[in-house]
Protein backbone atom coordinates (compact mmCIF):
# COMPACT_ATOMS: atom_id res chain seq x y z
CA MET A 1 59.46 -64.89 28.95
CA SER A 2 62.10 -64.76 26.28
CA GLU A 3 61.11 -68.24 24.98
CA LEU A 4 57.49 -67.24 24.72
CA ALA A 5 58.51 -63.92 22.98
CA GLU A 6 60.65 -65.86 20.46
CA LEU A 7 58.01 -68.54 19.76
CA ASN A 8 55.42 -65.84 19.06
CA ASN A 9 57.61 -63.41 17.25
CA VAL A 10 57.05 -60.52 19.63
CA ARG A 11 59.32 -58.48 21.85
CA TYR A 12 60.20 -59.42 25.44
CA SER A 13 58.63 -56.16 26.63
CA THR A 14 55.33 -57.07 25.04
CA ILE A 15 55.25 -60.35 27.05
CA LYS A 16 56.20 -58.39 30.18
CA TYR A 17 53.59 -55.71 29.61
CA TYR A 18 50.70 -58.21 29.07
CA SER A 19 51.92 -60.22 31.97
CA GLU A 20 51.98 -57.19 34.28
CA LEU A 21 48.37 -56.52 33.25
CA GLY A 22 47.44 -60.09 34.24
CA LEU A 23 46.52 -61.02 30.69
CA LEU A 24 48.90 -63.93 30.31
CA PRO A 25 48.55 -67.14 32.41
CA PHE A 26 51.75 -68.09 34.44
CA GLU A 27 52.78 -70.15 37.46
CA GLN A 28 55.52 -69.19 39.92
CA LYS A 29 58.05 -71.91 40.75
CA GLY A 30 61.16 -72.26 42.71
CA GLU A 31 62.67 -70.50 45.60
CA ARG A 32 62.71 -67.19 43.67
CA LEU A 33 59.13 -67.67 42.57
CA ALA A 34 60.23 -67.26 38.91
CA LYS A 35 57.34 -66.86 36.38
CA TYR A 36 56.82 -69.95 34.24
CA TYR A 37 54.52 -69.54 31.23
CA PRO A 38 52.73 -72.71 30.05
CA THR A 39 53.73 -72.44 26.45
CA LYS A 40 50.48 -73.59 24.87
CA GLU A 41 48.14 -71.66 27.02
CA ALA A 42 50.15 -68.47 27.08
CA SER A 43 50.76 -68.66 23.26
CA GLN A 44 47.06 -69.03 22.62
CA ARG A 45 46.19 -66.08 24.92
CA LEU A 46 48.91 -63.96 23.35
CA LYS A 47 47.72 -64.67 19.80
CA GLU A 48 44.21 -63.63 20.91
CA ILE A 49 45.47 -60.41 22.45
CA LEU A 50 47.45 -59.57 19.32
CA ARG A 51 44.41 -60.38 17.15
CA LEU A 52 42.28 -58.06 19.11
CA ARG A 53 44.95 -55.40 19.13
CA ASP A 54 45.27 -55.69 15.30
CA LYS A 55 41.52 -55.04 15.05
CA GLY A 56 42.08 -51.76 16.80
CA LYS A 57 40.86 -52.70 20.20
CA THR A 58 42.18 -50.82 23.19
CA ILE A 59 43.65 -52.40 26.28
CA PRO A 60 40.38 -52.00 28.29
CA ASP A 61 38.48 -53.49 25.35
CA ILE A 62 40.94 -56.47 25.23
CA ILE A 63 40.55 -56.96 28.93
CA ASN A 64 36.79 -56.97 28.78
CA SER A 65 36.83 -59.39 25.83
CA LEU A 66 38.97 -61.84 27.56
CA ILE A 67 37.02 -61.57 30.84
CA GLN A 68 33.78 -62.38 29.01
CA LYS A 69 35.20 -65.75 27.75
């Protein structure tokens, strides 16, 4: 999560929040089932979320926009 946050210039808590909402793609690996975020896919999705947020969209609006794609 921290690498994804750093690459996209957002806070760790932002990644965690959108991840908990199920908006960011991830895989679980290892014995502890740690979350692994495919950098390209997760970064693209995050940029899309941030773009919608900057347009004034609410979280439900963002979720609906992403589901429709």
